[in-house]
Amino acid sequence: MLGRLFKLLLLAGLATVLVRALLSPEQRAGLHRLFQTLAWALLVSAALMVALSLTRVVSL
């Protein structure tokens, strides 16, 4: 379990280093906006699923 978490952390660190090295500040800002939009979409989707689950429209 700890090995998997370490690999995930290592992969995230490597991705961060590569993004900083290869992308310009404008490209990094665009990537940040993309991931921020995706995060909000996932939060809204999760909230909708919880609301539908509580009203028993959807069974999880």
Protein backbone atom coordinates (compact mmCIF):
# COMPACT_ATOMS: atom_id res chain seq x y z
CA MET A 1 0.00 0.00 0.00
CA LEU A 2 2.75 2.44 0.92
CA GLY A 3 4.65 1.46 -2.21
CA ARG A 4 1.70 2.44 -4.39
CA LEU A 5 1.33 5.77 -2.60
CA PHE A 6 5.05 6.42 -3.02
CA LYS A 7 4.83 5.64 -6.75
CA LEU A 8 1.85 7.99 -7.09
CA LEU A 9 3.71 10.76 -5.27
CA LEU A 10 6.80 10.18 -7.39
CA LEU A 11 4.74 10.31 -10.59
CA ALA A 12 3.02 13.54 -9.49
CA GLY A 13 6.38 15.11 -8.66
CA LEU A 14 7.87 14.07 -11.97
CA ALA A 15 4.85 15.44 -13.85
CA THR A 16 5.19 18.75 -11.98
CA VAL A 17 8.87 19.03 -12.85
CA LEU A 18 8.20 18.25 -16.52
CA VAL A 19 5.33 20.74 -16.75
CA ARG A 20 7.45 23.50 -15.21
CA ALA A 21 10.37 22.72 -17.49
CA LEU A 22 8.53 22.25 -20.78
CA LEU A 23 5.62 24.68 -20.70
CA SER A 24 5.61 28.46 -20.82
CA PRO A 25 3.84 30.44 -18.08
CA GLU A 26 0.87 31.08 -20.39
CA GLN A 27 0.54 27.37 -21.15
CA ARG A 28 0.78 26.51 -17.46
CA ALA A 29 -1.96 29.06 -16.69
CA GLY A 30 -4.16 27.49 -19.35
CA LEU A 31 -3.50 24.03 -17.92
CA HIS A 32 -4.37 25.34 -14.45
CA ARG A 33 -7.67 26.72 -15.73
CA LEU A 34 -8.44 23.38 -17.42
CA PHE A 35 -7.83 21.37 -14.25
CA GLN A 36 -9.74 23.88 -12.15
CA THR A 37 -12.73 23.59 -14.49
CA LEU A 38 -12.54 19.79 -14.36
CA ALA A 39 -12.40 19.85 -10.56
CA TRP A 40 -15.51 22.05 -10.37
CA ALA A 41 -17.31 19.77 -12.84
CA LEU A 42 -16.49 16.73 -10.69
CA LEU A 43 -17.71 18.49 -7.54
CA VAL A 44 -20.99 19.49 -9.20
CA SER A 45 -21.45 15.97 -10.56
CA ALA A 46 -20.84 14.46 -7.13
CA ALA A 47 -23.28 16.89 -5.52
CA LEU A 48 -25.93 16.03 -8.10
CA MET A 49 -25.45 12.30 -7.54
CA VAL A 50 -25.76 12.75 -3.77
CA ALA A 51 -28.92 14.83 -4.20
CA LEU A 52 -30.44 12.28 -6.58
CA SER A 53 -29.44 9.46 -4.28
CA LEU A 54 -31.10 11.16 -1.31
CA THR A 55 -34.31 11.63 -3.29
CA ARG A 56 -34.07 7.98 -4.37
CA VAL A 57 -34.18 8.85 -8.07
CA VAL A 58 -30.88 7.03 -8.60
CA SER A 59 -29.72 4.02 -6.62
CA LEU A 60 -25.97 3.92 -6.08
